[in-house]
Amino acid sequence: MRVKKLLFMATLFALVFPVAALEKNDPLPSWRDSDARAAIITFVETVTDASSEDYVQPEDRVATFDNDGTLWTEHPVYTQLAYALSRVKELAPDHPEWRSKQPFKAVLDGDMKALGSAGEEGLVELMMASHAGMSTAEFESIVVSWFQTERHPRFNRPYTELTYKPMVELLEYLRGNEFSTYIVSGGGIEFMRPMTMEAYGIPSQQVIGSSIKTEYKVVNGTPTLVRLPEINFNNDKGGKPVAINQFIGKRPIAAFGNSGGDQQMLEWTGAGDGARLMMLVFHDDAEREYAYGPANGEIDTHFGKFPQSLMVKAKEQGWHVISMKNDWASIFKPVAE
């Protein structure tokens, strides 16, 4: 009789509280039950508990996120570089000199080794050729069209569908607890802005990135901002805390990155008073995404380098390293979603 009663109660519970409903109430369903997930929940509960000595007023709950490799995939090349390569090929018929001039020749020949050896100076040259010489409105229109038509070479999906599901859930969880979420990326600010609201729920005014200089002109009677082939600000490494101070005006209480370019942002965040959360995404899942480092023996890379020194720094500072392989139950949204 007792067994029948227990079975009846279990069935009733399942009907009233189905698994789907339980999962719906989980703020981070794509995260496995790990130390990283626990650290996030504990931190948010602590800073939002008015009785806690580490309580933070809503207006001061600022969280900053790198973009490439932290919120969406950055391999086999940065998404913005993929755009630049595509744009150079499109413009090549008007520039026959590119056939013999590096790094343009490498792009047109599909020689990734030569392109990699061009270094930062070569990449900047590609960016200037593909990003400047037009109005900001024209640039946005071209970028939006590219996002709509281009597909990732491995996953054959639009780049905007290759955002990390666990991180999107984290952004929503933080905003649900009255955090302001900002992107602070080395990527181009005007390249990111057209997609951040749809992809992450982050409006364009909360996107901070690298920029090229613009000039105000009146063109055919219309006020216009023209993009110039000159770097205005490189929002990477030490530039990130500078930009955070300039554009946000408050030190974050949480910061998320994935590479050596994010170290200074995490240091700046951790130097503040009270409870802090600093986390790094580590790409160690070659099967579902990519694995690279060179930390922990993973392959070295030109894009999103995570050096062993950063892994050591994270351990020393108490930063949390998120293992994509072990901490994330899923990485991308299913195609049907």
C-alpha atoms as a PDB file:
ATOM      1  CA  MET A   1       0.000   0.000   0.000  1.00  0.00           C
ATOM      2  CA  ARG A   2       2.812   2.374   0.909  1.00  0.00           C
ATOM      3  CA  VAL A   3       4.601   1.654  -2.378  1.00  0.00           C
ATOM      4  CA  LYS A   4       1.427   2.427  -4.351  1.00  0.00           C
ATOM      5  CA  LYS A   5       1.045   5.690  -2.443  1.00  0.00           C
ATOM      6  CA  LEU A   6       4.632   6.710  -3.197  1.00  0.00           C
ATOM      7  CA  LEU A   7       4.179   5.906  -6.877  1.00  0.00           C
ATOM      8  CA  PHE A   8       0.970   7.948  -6.928  1.00  0.00           C
ATOM      9  CA  MET A   9       2.732  10.913  -5.274  1.00  0.00           C
ATOM     10  CA  ALA A  10       5.659  10.690  -7.708  1.00  0.00           C
ATOM     11  CA  THR A  11       3.282  10.651 -10.674  1.00  0.00           C
ATOM     12  CA  LEU A  12       1.339  13.604  -9.277  1.00  0.00           C
ATOM     13  CA  PHE A  13       4.557  15.558  -8.706  1.00  0.00           C
ATOM     14  CA  ALA A  14       5.673  14.878 -12.274  1.00  0.00           C
ATOM     15  CA  LEU A  15       2.354  16.151 -13.591  1.00  0.00           C
ATOM     16  CA  VAL A  16       2.383  19.307 -11.486  1.00  0.00           C
ATOM     17  CA  PHE A  17       6.126  20.013 -11.838  1.00  0.00           C
ATOM     18  CA  PRO A  18       7.234  18.566 -15.176  1.00  0.00           C
ATOM     19  CA  VAL A  19      10.942  18.424 -15.976  1.00  0.00           C
ATOM     20  CA  ALA A  20      10.539  21.101 -18.618  1.00  0.00           C
ATOM     21  CA  ALA A  21       9.170  23.490 -16.009  1.00  0.00           C
ATOM     22  CA  LEU A  22      12.058  22.761 -13.672  1.00  0.00           C
ATOM     23  CA  GLU A  23      14.548  23.381 -16.460  1.00  0.00           C
ATOM     24  CA  LYS A  24      12.765  26.597 -17.366  1.00  0.00           C
ATOM     25  CA  ASN A  25      13.376  27.907 -13.851  1.00  0.00           C
ATOM     26  CA  ASP A  26      17.079  27.119 -14.105  1.00  0.00           C
ATOM     27  CA  PRO A  27      18.826  30.407 -15.012  1.00  0.00           C
ATOM     28  CA  LEU A  28      21.802  28.574 -16.537  1.00  0.00           C
ATOM     29  CA  PRO A  29      20.463  25.370 -18.138  1.00  0.00           C
ATOM     30  CA  SER A  30      23.406  24.978 -20.534  1.00  0.00           C
ATOM     31  CA  TRP A  31      25.912  24.979 -17.676  1.00  0.00           C
ATOM     32  CA  ARG A  32      26.903  21.724 -16.012  1.00  0.00           C
ATOM     33  CA  ASP A  33      26.840  21.521 -12.223  1.00  0.00           C
ATOM     34  CA  SER A  34      30.416  22.687 -11.744  1.00  0.00           C
ATOM     35  CA  ASP A  35      32.539  25.050  -9.676  1.00  0.00           C
ATOM     36  CA  ALA A  36      32.253  27.699 -12.390  1.00  0.00           C
ATOM     37  CA  ARG A  37      28.457  27.636 -12.348  1.00  0.00           C
ATOM     38  CA  ALA A  38      28.399  27.645  -8.542  1.00  0.00           C
ATOM     39  CA  ALA A  39      30.737  30.658  -8.477  1.00  0.00           C
ATOM     40  CA  ILE A  40      28.384  32.622 -10.721  1.00  0.00           C
ATOM     41  CA  ILE A  41      25.272  31.804  -8.690  1.00  0.00           C
ATOM     42  CA  THR A  42      26.980  32.500  -5.369  1.00  0.00           C
ATOM     43  CA  PHE A  43      28.358  35.823  -6.589  1.00  0.00           C
ATOM     44  CA  VAL A  44      25.030  37.049  -7.959  1.00  0.00           C
ATOM     45  CA  GLU A  45      23.132  35.984  -4.846  1.00  0.00           C
ATOM     46  CA  THR A  46      25.708  37.716  -2.637  1.00  0.00           C
ATOM     47  CA  VAL A  47      25.772  41.099  -4.375  1.00  0.00           C
ATOM     48  CA  THR A  48      21.967  41.221  -4.723  1.00  0.00           C
ATOM     49  CA  ASP A  49      21.236  40.293  -1.083  1.00  0.00           C
ATOM     50  CA  ALA A  50      20.439  43.516   0.736  1.00  0.00           C
ATOM     51  CA  SER A  51      21.436  41.915   4.049  1.00  0.00           C
ATOM     52  CA  SER A  52      24.910  40.996   2.794  1.00  0.00           C
ATOM     53  CA  GLU A  53      27.931  43.141   3.583  1.00  0.00           C
ATOM     54  CA  ASP A  54      28.862  42.718  -0.091  1.00  0.00           C
ATOM     55  CA  TYR A  55      25.510  44.016  -1.351  1.00  0.00           C
ATOM     56  CA  VAL A  56      25.869  46.213  -4.437  1.00  0.00           C
ATOM     57  CA  GLN A  57      23.341  48.824  -5.488  1.00  0.00           C
ATOM     58  CA  PRO A  58      21.748  48.032  -8.888  1.00  0.00           C
ATOM     59  CA  GLU A  59      23.297  51.087 -10.528  1.00  0.00           C
ATOM     60  CA  ASP A  60      26.757  49.772  -9.640  1.00  0.00           C
ATOM     61  CA  ARG A  61      26.219  46.215 -10.907  1.00  0.00           C
ATOM     62  CA  VAL A  62      28.378  46.512 -13.990  1.00  0.00           C
ATOM     63  CA  ALA A  63      29.608  43.422 -15.851  1.00  0.00           C
ATOM     64  CA  THR A  64      31.955  43.572 -18.846  1.00  0.00           C
ATOM     65  CA  PHE A  65      32.455  40.904 -21.507  1.00  0.00           C
ATOM     66  CA  ASP A  66      35.039  40.450 -24.193  1.00  0.00           C
ATOM     67  CA  ASN A  67      33.395  39.362 -27.455  1.00  0.00           C
ATOM     68  CA  ASP A  68      35.656  37.218 -29.671  1.00  0.00           C
ATOM     69  CA  GLY A  69      36.163  33.819 -28.068  1.00  0.00           C
ATOM     70  CA  THR A  70      34.151  34.838 -24.997  1.00  0.00           C
ATOM     71  CA  LEU A  71      30.678  35.348 -26.448  1.00  0.00           C
ATOM     72  CA  TRP A  72      31.079  33.846 -29.926  1.00  0.00           C
ATOM     73  CA  THR A  73      33.544  31.745 -31.866  1.00  0.00           C
ATOM     74  CA  GLU A  74      36.832  33.282 -33.019  1.00  0.00           C
ATOM     75  CA  HIS A  75      38.308  30.413 -35.055  1.00  0.00           C
ATOM     76  CA  PRO A  76      39.608  29.631 -37.606  1.00  0.00           C
ATOM     77  CA  VAL A  77      40.006  33.445 -37.700  1.00  0.00           C
ATOM     78  CA  TYR A  78      38.333  36.332 -35.906  1.00  0.00           C
ATOM     79  CA  THR A  79      34.897  37.003 -37.386  1.00  0.00           C
ATOM     80  CA  GLN A  80      35.856  40.563 -38.256  1.00  0.00           C
ATOM     81  CA  LEU A  81      38.960  39.309 -40.053  1.00  0.00           C
ATOM     82  CA  ALA A  82      36.767  36.875 -41.995  1.00  0.00           C
ATOM     83  CA  TYR A  83      34.726  39.907 -43.041  1.00  0.00           C
ATOM     84  CA  ALA A  84      37.873  41.807 -44.028  1.00  0.00           C
ATOM     85  CA  LEU A  85      39.131  38.909 -46.152  1.00  0.00           C
ATOM     86  CA  SER A  86      35.780  38.647 -47.892  1.00  0.00           C
ATOM     87  CA  ARG A  87      35.692  42.393 -48.494  1.00  0.00           C
ATOM     88  CA  VAL A  88      39.248  42.466 -49.913  1.00  0.00           C
ATOM     89  CA  LYS A  89      38.311  39.775 -52.427  1.00  0.00           C
ATOM     90  CA  GLU A  90      35.219  41.765 -53.367  1.00  0.00           C
ATOM     91  CA  LEU A  91      37.245  44.959 -53.899  1.00  0.00           C
ATOM     92  CA  ALA A  92      40.206  43.253 -55.622  1.00  0.00           C
ATOM     93  CA  PRO A  93      39.058  43.900 -59.241  1.00  0.00           C
ATOM     94  CA  ASP A  94      39.461  47.637 -58.574  1.00  0.00           C
ATOM     95  CA  HIS A  95      42.957  47.113 -57.119  1.00  0.00           C
ATOM     96  CA  PRO A  96      45.133  45.071 -59.521  1.00  0.00           C
ATOM     97  CA  GLU A  97      48.204  46.076 -57.496  1.00  0.00           C
ATOM     98  CA  TRP A  98      47.015  43.799 -54.676  1.00  0.00           C
ATOM     99  CA  ARG A  99      47.948  40.765 -56.792  1.00  0.00           C
ATOM    100  CA  SER A 100      51.622  41.353 -55.966  1.00  0.00           C
ATOM    101  CA  LYS A 101      51.398  43.256 -52.696  1.00  0.00           C
ATOM    102  CA  GLN A 102      51.305  41.624 -49.286  1.00  0.00           C
ATOM    103  CA  PRO A 103      49.226  40.998 -47.259  1.00  0.00           C
ATOM    104  CA  PHE A 104      46.626  41.353 -50.026  1.00  0.00           C
ATOM    105  CA  LYS A 105      48.355  38.736 -52.193  1.00  0.00           C
ATOM    106  CA  ALA A 106      48.090  36.233 -49.331  1.00  0.00           C
ATOM    107  CA  VAL A 107      44.355  36.876 -49.084  1.00  0.00           C
ATOM    108  CA  LEU A 108      43.768  36.481 -52.801  1.00  0.00           C
ATOM    109  CA  ASP A 109      45.928  33.338 -52.932  1.00  0.00           C
ATOM    110  CA  GLY A 110      44.284  31.835 -49.851  1.00  0.00           C
ATOM    111  CA  ASP A 111      47.736  31.590 -48.242  1.00  0.00           C
ATOM    112  CA  MET A 112      46.902  31.636 -44.534  1.00  0.00           C
ATOM    113  CA  LYS A 113      50.515  30.978 -43.540  1.00  0.00           C
ATOM    114  CA  ALA A 114      51.708  34.092 -45.352  1.00  0.00           C
ATOM    115  CA  LEU A 115      48.791  36.031 -43.946  1.00  0.00           C
ATOM    116  CA  GLY A 116      49.722  34.970 -40.411  1.00  0.00           C
ATOM    117  CA  SER A 117      53.321  36.035 -40.959  1.00  0.00           C
ATOM    118  CA  ALA A 118      52.123  39.523 -41.950  1.00  0.00           C
ATOM    119  CA  GLY A 119      51.627  40.168 -38.260  1.00  0.00           C
ATOM    120  CA  GLU A 120      49.567  42.892 -36.644  1.00  0.00           C
ATOM    121  CA  GLU A 121      50.783  45.533 -39.098  1.00  0.00           C
ATOM    122  CA  GLY A 122      49.533  43.484 -42.043  1.00  0.00           C
ATOM    123  CA  LEU A 123      46.172  42.850 -40.428  1.00  0.00           C
ATOM    124  CA  VAL A 124      45.747  46.560 -39.742  1.00  0.00           C
ATOM    125  CA  GLU A 125      46.456  47.267 -43.414  1.00  0.00           C
ATOM    126  CA  LEU A 126      43.727  44.818 -44.419  1.00  0.00           C
ATOM    127  CA  MET A 127      41.305  46.390 -41.966  1.00  0.00           C
ATOM    128  CA  MET A 128      41.952  49.880 -43.272  1.00  0.00           C
ATOM    129  CA  ALA A 129      41.462  48.817 -46.899  1.00  0.00           C
ATOM    130  CA  SER A 130      38.225  46.974 -46.129  1.00  0.00           C
ATOM    131  CA  HIS A 131      36.725  49.215 -43.435  1.00  0.00           C
ATOM    132  CA  ALA A 132      37.467  52.796 -44.492  1.00  0.00           C
ATOM    133  CA  GLY A 133      36.650  55.165 -47.355  1.00  0.00           C
ATOM    134  CA  MET A 134      32.897  55.143 -46.830  1.00  0.00           C
ATOM    135  CA  SER A 135      30.289  56.641 -44.530  1.00  0.00           C
ATOM    136  CA  THR A 136      29.376  54.994 -41.249  1.00  0.00           C
ATOM    137  CA  ALA A 137      25.903  54.266 -42.650  1.00  0.00           C
ATOM    138  CA  GLU A 138      27.371  52.564 -45.739  1.00  0.00           C
ATOM    139  CA  PHE A 139      29.697  50.491 -43.585  1.00  0.00           C
ATOM    140  CA  GLU A 140      26.834  49.339 -41.374  1.00  0.00           C
ATOM    141  CA  SER A 141      24.765  48.370 -44.407  1.00  0.00           C
ATOM    142  CA  ILE A 142      27.629  46.282 -45.844  1.00  0.00           C
ATOM    143  CA  VAL A 143      28.265  44.584 -42.485  1.00  0.00           C
ATOM    144  CA  VAL A 144      24.579  43.739 -41.979  1.00  0.00           C
ATOM    145  CA  SER A 145      24.406  42.227 -45.478  1.00  0.00           C
ATOM    146  CA  TRP A 146      27.558  40.184 -44.807  1.00  0.00           C
ATOM    147  CA  PHE A 147      26.144  38.809 -41.558  1.00  0.00           C
ATOM    148  CA  GLN A 148      22.992  37.764 -43.410  1.00  0.00           C
ATOM    149  CA  THR A 149      24.776  35.912 -46.212  1.00  0.00           C
ATOM    150  CA  GLU A 150      28.118  34.581 -44.914  1.00  0.00           C
ATOM    151  CA  ARG A 151      28.459  31.170 -43.302  1.00  0.00           C
ATOM    152  CA  HIS A 152      31.133  29.848 -40.970  1.00  0.00           C
ATOM    153  CA  PRO A 153      33.486  27.518 -42.894  1.00  0.00           C
ATOM    154  CA  ARG A 154      33.214  24.666 -40.400  1.00  0.00           C
ATOM    155  CA  PHE A 155      29.697  24.912 -38.983  1.00  0.00           C
ATOM    156  CA  ASN A 156      27.983  26.255 -42.110  1.00  0.00           C
ATOM    157  CA  ARG A 157      25.858  28.605 -40.046  1.00  0.00           C
ATOM    158  CA  PRO A 158      25.602  32.405 -39.913  1.00  0.00           C
ATOM    159  CA  TYR A 159      28.238  33.833 -37.590  1.00  0.00           C
ATOM    160  CA  THR A 160      25.492  35.418 -35.497  1.00  0.00           C
ATOM    161  CA  GLU A 161      24.195  31.912 -34.708  1.00  0.00           C
ATOM    162  CA  LEU A 162      27.578  30.895 -33.306  1.00  0.00           C
ATOM    163  CA  THR A 163      27.194  32.737 -30.044  1.00  0.00           C
ATOM    164  CA  TYR A 164      27.814  30.607 -26.965  1.00  0.00           C
ATOM    165  CA  LYS A 165      24.519  29.524 -25.460  1.00  0.00           C
ATOM    166  CA  PRO A 166      25.877  29.350 -21.875  1.00  0.00           C
ATOM    167  CA  MET A 167      27.198  32.916 -22.106  1.00  0.00           C
ATOM    168  CA  VAL A 168      23.955  34.267 -23.559  1.00  0.00           C
ATOM    169  CA  GLU A 169      22.165  32.642 -20.611  1.00  0.00           C
ATOM    170  CA  LEU A 170      24.652  34.279 -18.268  1.00  0.00           C
ATOM    171  CA  LEU A 171      24.006  37.699 -19.799  1.00  0.00           C
ATOM    172  CA  GLU A 172      20.257  37.215 -19.345  1.00  0.00           C
ATOM    173  CA  TYR A 173      20.724  35.969 -15.781  1.00  0.00           C
ATOM    174  CA  LEU A 174      22.781  39.022 -14.859  1.00  0.00           C
ATOM    175  CA  ARG A 175      20.328  41.457 -16.436  1.00  0.00           C
ATOM    176  CA  GLY A 176      17.509  39.653 -14.625  1.00  0.00           C
ATOM    177  CA  ASN A 177      19.336  40.621 -11.433  1.00  0.00           C
ATOM    178  CA  GLU A 178      19.673  44.288 -12.440  1.00  0.00           C
ATOM    179  CA  PHE A 179      23.185  44.161 -13.856  1.00  0.00           C
ATOM    180  CA  SER A 180      24.222  46.373 -16.738  1.00  0.00           C
ATOM    181  CA  THR A 181      26.099  44.246 -19.271  1.00  0.00           C
ATOM    182  CA  TYR A 182      28.719  45.750 -21.574  1.00  0.00           C
ATOM    183  CA  ILE A 183      30.840  44.377 -24.374  1.00  0.00           C
ATOM    184  CA  VAL A 184      34.462  45.526 -24.090  1.00  0.00           C
ATOM    185  CA  SER A 185      36.262  44.052 -27.081  1.00  0.00           C
ATOM    186  CA  GLY A 186      39.325  44.524 -29.237  1.00  0.00           C
ATOM    187  CA  GLY A 187      36.987  44.099 -32.210  1.00  0.00           C
ATOM    188  CA  GLY A 188      35.720  47.073 -34.175  1.00  0.00           C
ATOM    189  CA  ILE A 189      32.940  48.910 -32.408  1.00  0.00           C
ATOM    190  CA  GLU A 190      30.976  49.600 -35.604  1.00  0.00           C
ATOM    191  CA  PHE A 191      31.418  46.021 -36.793  1.00  0.00           C
ATOM    192  CA  MET A 192      29.853  44.653 -33.590  1.00  0.00           C
ATOM    193  CA  ARG A 193      27.060  47.135 -33.000  1.00  0.00           C
ATOM    194  CA  PRO A 194      24.717  45.949 -35.790  1.00  0.00           C
ATOM    195  CA  MET A 195      24.472  42.462 -34.248  1.00  0.00           C
ATOM    196  CA  THR A 196      24.830  42.790 -30.473  1.00  0.00           C
ATOM    197  CA  MET A 197      21.195  43.537 -29.605  1.00  0.00           C
ATOM    198  CA  GLU A 198      19.812  40.573 -31.519  1.00  0.00           C
ATOM    199  CA  ALA A 199      22.605  38.198 -30.511  1.00  0.00           C
ATOM    200  CA  TYR A 200      23.126  39.178 -26.862  1.00  0.00           C
ATOM    201  CA  GLY A 201      20.436  41.653 -25.850  1.00  0.00           C
ATOM    202  CA  ILE A 202      23.124  44.332 -25.514  1.00  0.00           C
ATOM    203  CA  PRO A 203      22.233  47.701 -27.113  1.00  0.00           C
ATOM    204  CA  SER A 204      24.782  49.509 -29.261  1.00  0.00           C
ATOM    205  CA  GLN A 205      25.472  52.186 -26.635  1.00  0.00           C
ATOM    206  CA  GLN A 206      26.788  49.450 -24.334  1.00  0.00           C
ATOM    207  CA  VAL A 207      29.363  48.236 -26.848  1.00  0.00           C
ATOM    208  CA  ILE A 208      32.961  49.407 -26.481  1.00  0.00           C
ATOM    209  CA  GLY A 209      35.522  48.428 -29.081  1.00  0.00           C
ATOM    210  CA  SER A 210      38.430  49.497 -31.236  1.00  0.00           C
ATOM    211  CA  SER A 211      37.703  52.280 -33.693  1.00  0.00           C
ATOM    212  CA  ILE A 212      39.063  54.100 -36.712  1.00  0.00           C
ATOM    213  CA  LYS A 213      38.895  57.848 -37.101  1.00  0.00           C
ATOM    214  CA  THR A 214      35.817  59.455 -38.613  1.00  0.00           C
ATOM    215  CA  GLU A 215      35.339  62.874 -40.140  1.00  0.00           C
ATOM    216  CA  TYR A 216      32.201  64.977 -40.341  1.00  0.00           C
ATOM    217  CA  LYS A 217      31.323  66.138 -43.854  1.00  0.00           C
ATOM    218  CA  VAL A 218      28.277  67.455 -45.647  1.00  0.00           C
ATOM    219  CA  VAL A 219      27.872  65.272 -48.736  1.00  0.00           C
ATOM    220  CA  ASN A 220      25.263  66.395 -51.290  1.00  0.00           C
ATOM    221  CA  GLY A 221      23.618  68.449 -48.561  1.00  0.00           C
ATOM    222  CA  THR A 222      23.519  65.566 -46.076  1.00  0.00           C
ATOM    223  CA  PRO A 223      25.530  65.551 -42.818  1.00  0.00           C
ATOM    224  CA  THR A 224      27.754  62.467 -43.010  1.00  0.00           C
ATOM    225  CA  LEU A 225      30.410  60.721 -40.951  1.00  0.00           C
ATOM    226  CA  VAL A 226      33.175  59.367 -43.188  1.00  0.00           C
ATOM    227  CA  ARG A 227      35.441  56.542 -42.032  1.00  0.00           C
ATOM    228  CA  LEU A 228      39.150  57.320 -42.443  1.00  0.00           C
ATOM    229  CA  PRO A 229      42.015  54.824 -42.922  1.00  0.00           C
ATOM    230  CA  GLU A 230      43.568  55.621 -39.558  1.00  0.00           C
ATOM    231  CA  ILE A 231      43.325  53.918 -36.165  1.00  0.00           C
ATOM    232  CA  ASN A 232      41.556  55.988 -33.528  1.00  0.00           C
ATOM    233  CA  PHE A 233      41.749  53.632 -30.515  1.00  0.00           C
ATOM    234  CA  ASN A 234      42.915  50.053 -29.988  1.00  0.00           C
ATOM    235  CA  ASN A 235      40.662  48.610 -27.311  1.00  0.00           C
ATOM    236  CA  ASP A 236      42.830  45.685 -26.286  1.00  0.00           C
ATOM    237  CA  LYS A 237      44.977  44.765 -23.273  1.00  0.00           C
ATOM    238  CA  GLY A 238      45.676  47.937 -21.270  1.00  0.00           C
ATOM    239  CA  GLY A 239      43.299  49.871 -23.478  1.00  0.00           C
ATOM    240  CA  LYS A 240      40.318  48.034 -22.001  1.00  0.00           C
ATOM    241  CA  PRO A 241      40.477  49.543 -18.490  1.00  0.00           C
ATOM    242  CA  VAL A 242      41.088  52.956 -20.065  1.00  0.00           C
ATOM    243  CA  ALA A 243      37.983  52.592 -22.247  1.00  0.00           C
ATOM    244  CA  ILE A 244      35.892  51.248 -19.359  1.00  0.00           C
ATOM    245  CA  ASN A 245      36.766  54.289 -17.282  1.00  0.00           C
ATOM    246  CA  GLN A 246      36.132  56.653 -20.184  1.00  0.00           C
ATOM    247  CA  PHE A 247      32.864  55.248 -21.492  1.00  0.00           C
ATOM    248  CA  ILE A 248      31.265  53.529 -18.480  1.00  0.00           C
ATOM    249  CA  GLY A 249      32.713  55.634 -15.682  1.00  0.00           C
ATOM    250  CA  LYS A 250      32.491  52.802 -13.160  1.00  0.00           C
ATOM    251  CA  ARG A 251      34.742  49.886 -12.327  1.00  0.00           C
ATOM    252  CA  PRO A 252      33.008  46.584 -13.147  1.00  0.00           C
ATOM    253  CA  ILE A 253      32.277  44.111 -10.382  1.00  0.00           C
ATOM    254  CA  ALA A 254      32.385  41.220 -12.863  1.00  0.00           C
ATOM    255  CA  ALA A 255      34.506  40.702 -15.967  1.00  0.00           C
ATOM    256  CA  PHE A 256      34.695  37.870 -18.489  1.00  0.00           C
ATOM    257  CA  GLY A 257      37.358  37.179 -21.111  1.00  0.00           C
ATOM    258  CA  ASN A 258      39.216  34.361 -22.836  1.00  0.00           C
ATOM    259  CA  SER A 259      42.714  35.496 -23.777  1.00  0.00           C
ATOM    260  CA  GLY A 260      45.811  37.437 -22.837  1.00  0.00           C
ATOM    261  CA  GLY A 261      44.159  40.529 -24.275  1.00  0.00           C
ATOM    262  CA  ASP A 262      41.642  40.441 -21.428  1.00  0.00           C
ATOM    263  CA  GLN A 263      44.094  40.153 -18.525  1.00  0.00           C
ATOM    264  CA  GLN A 264      44.204  43.868 -17.745  1.00  0.00           C
ATOM    265  CA  MET A 265      40.400  44.128 -17.735  1.00  0.00           C
ATOM    266  CA  LEU A 266      40.204  41.344 -15.155  1.00  0.00           C
ATOM    267  CA  GLU A 267      43.007  42.899 -13.110  1.00  0.00           C
ATOM    268  CA  TRP A 268      41.227  46.258 -13.115  1.00  0.00           C
ATOM    269  CA  THR A 269      37.960  44.643 -12.056  1.00  0.00           C
ATOM    270  CA  GLY A 270      39.585  42.613  -9.284  1.00  0.00           C
ATOM    271  CA  ALA A 271      41.356  45.650  -7.832  1.00  0.00           C
ATOM    272  CA  GLY A 272      38.052  47.087  -6.609  1.00  0.00           C
ATOM    273  CA  ASP A 273      36.511  46.664  -3.167  1.00  0.00           C
ATOM    274  CA  GLY A 274      33.888  44.108  -2.201  1.00  0.00           C
ATOM    275  CA  ALA A 275      32.805  40.934  -3.950  1.00  0.00           C
ATOM    276  CA  ARG A 276      34.241  40.463  -7.445  1.00  0.00           C
ATOM    277  CA  LEU A 277      33.906  37.835 -10.146  1.00  0.00           C
ATOM    278  CA  MET A 278      36.572  37.348 -12.809  1.00  0.00           C
ATOM    279  CA  MET A 279      36.247  34.485 -15.306  1.00  0.00           C
ATOM    280  CA  LEU A 280      38.105  33.242 -18.378  1.00  0.00           C
ATOM    281  CA  VAL A 281      36.658  30.942 -21.046  1.00  0.00           C
ATOM    282  CA  PHE A 282      39.183  28.241 -21.965  1.00  0.00           C
ATOM    283  CA  HIS A 283      38.776  26.576 -25.355  1.00  0.00           C
ATOM    284  CA  ASP A 284      39.478  22.895 -24.730  1.00  0.00           C
ATOM    285  CA  ASP A 285      36.730  21.218 -26.766  1.00  0.00           C
ATOM    286  CA  ALA A 286      37.962  20.382 -30.272  1.00  0.00           C
ATOM    287  CA  GLU A 287      34.992  18.108 -30.908  1.00  0.00           C
ATOM    288  CA  ARG A 288      32.203  20.623 -30.321  1.00  0.00           C
ATOM    289  CA  GLU A 289      34.150  23.837 -31.048  1.00  0.00           C
ATOM    290  CA  TYR A 290      37.948  24.327 -30.936  1.00  0.00           C
ATOM    291  CA  ALA A 291      40.862  23.606 -28.593  1.00  0.00           C
ATOM    292  CA  TYR A 292      43.752  26.057 -28.347  1.00  0.00           C
ATOM    293  CA  GLY A 293      46.030  27.687 -25.824  1.00  0.00           C
ATOM    294  CA  PRO A 294      48.954  27.207 -25.660  1.00  0.00           C
ATOM    295  CA  ALA A 295      48.014  26.856 -21.966  1.00  0.00           C
ATOM    296  CA  ASN A 296      47.652  23.308 -20.630  1.00  0.00           C
ATOM    297  CA  GLY A 297      49.397  21.894 -23.690  1.00  0.00           C
ATOM    298  CA  GLU A 298      46.763  22.965 -26.222  1.00  0.00           C
ATOM    299  CA  ILE A 299      47.938  24.168 -29.635  1.00  0.00           C
ATOM    300  CA  ASP A 300      49.342  27.665 -30.025  1.00  0.00           C
ATOM    301  CA  THR A 301      47.306  30.107 -32.072  1.00  0.00           C
ATOM    302  CA  HIS A 302      47.353  33.549 -33.681  1.00  0.00           C
ATOM    303  CA  PHE A 303      43.758  34.151 -32.599  1.00  0.00           C
ATOM    304  CA  GLY A 304      42.615  34.280 -28.971  1.00  0.00           C
ATOM    305  CA  LYS A 305      45.948  33.169 -27.495  1.00  0.00           C
ATOM    306  CA  PHE A 306      45.589  31.883 -23.911  1.00  0.00           C
ATOM    307  CA  PRO A 307      49.204  31.635 -22.650  1.00  0.00           C
ATOM    308  CA  GLN A 308      50.264  29.445 -19.758  1.00  0.00           C
ATOM    309  CA  SER A 309      51.240  32.598 -17.874  1.00  0.00           C
ATOM    310  CA  LEU A 310      47.562  33.640 -17.921  1.00  0.00           C
ATOM    311  CA  MET A 311      46.546  30.272 -16.507  1.00  0.00           C
ATOM    312  CA  VAL A 312      49.084  30.760 -13.704  1.00  0.00           C
ATOM    313  CA  LYS A 313      47.842  34.309 -13.138  1.00  0.00           C
ATOM    314  CA  ALA A 314      44.248  33.099 -12.893  1.00  0.00           C
ATOM    315  CA  LYS A 315      45.186  30.572 -10.239  1.00  0.00           C
ATOM    316  CA  GLU A 316      47.181  33.141  -8.252  1.00  0.00           C
ATOM    317  CA  GLN A 317      44.407  35.741  -8.383  1.00  0.00           C
ATOM    318  CA  GLY A 318      41.496  33.385  -7.749  1.00  0.00           C
ATOM    319  CA  TRP A 319      40.002  33.925 -11.189  1.00  0.00           C
ATOM    320  CA  HIS A 320      37.726  31.161 -12.428  1.00  0.00           C
ATOM    321  CA  VAL A 321      38.648  29.350 -15.642  1.00  0.00           C
ATOM    322  CA  ILE A 322      35.643  27.998 -17.516  1.00  0.00           C
ATOM    323  CA  SER A 323      36.322  24.731 -19.308  1.00  0.00           C
ATOM    324  CA  MET A 324      34.166  24.565 -22.428  1.00  0.00           C
ATOM    325  CA  LYS A 325      34.526  20.790 -22.406  1.00  0.00           C
ATOM    326  CA  ASN A 326      33.662  20.196 -18.761  1.00  0.00           C
ATOM    327  CA  ASP A 327      31.513  23.158 -17.706  1.00  0.00           C
ATOM    328  CA  TRP A 328      29.196  23.566 -20.695  1.00  0.00           C
ATOM    329  CA  ALA A 329      26.497  21.001 -21.471  1.00  0.00           C
ATOM    330  CA  SER A 330      25.975  22.654 -24.851  1.00  0.00           C
ATOM    331  CA  ILE A 331      27.896  25.310 -26.755  1.00  0.00           C
ATOM    332  CA  PHE A 332      25.672  26.606 -29.549  1.00  0.00           C
ATOM    333  CA  LYS A 333      21.921  26.779 -29.880  1.00  0.00           C
ATOM    334  CA  PRO A 334      20.555  23.816 -31.863  1.00  0.00           C
ATOM    335  CA  VAL A 335      19.876  24.719 -35.481  1.00  0.00           C
ATOM    336  CA  ALA A 336      16.111  24.343 -34.940  1.00  0.00           C
ATOM    337  CA  GLU A 337      15.965  26.889 -32.099  1.00  0.00           C
END
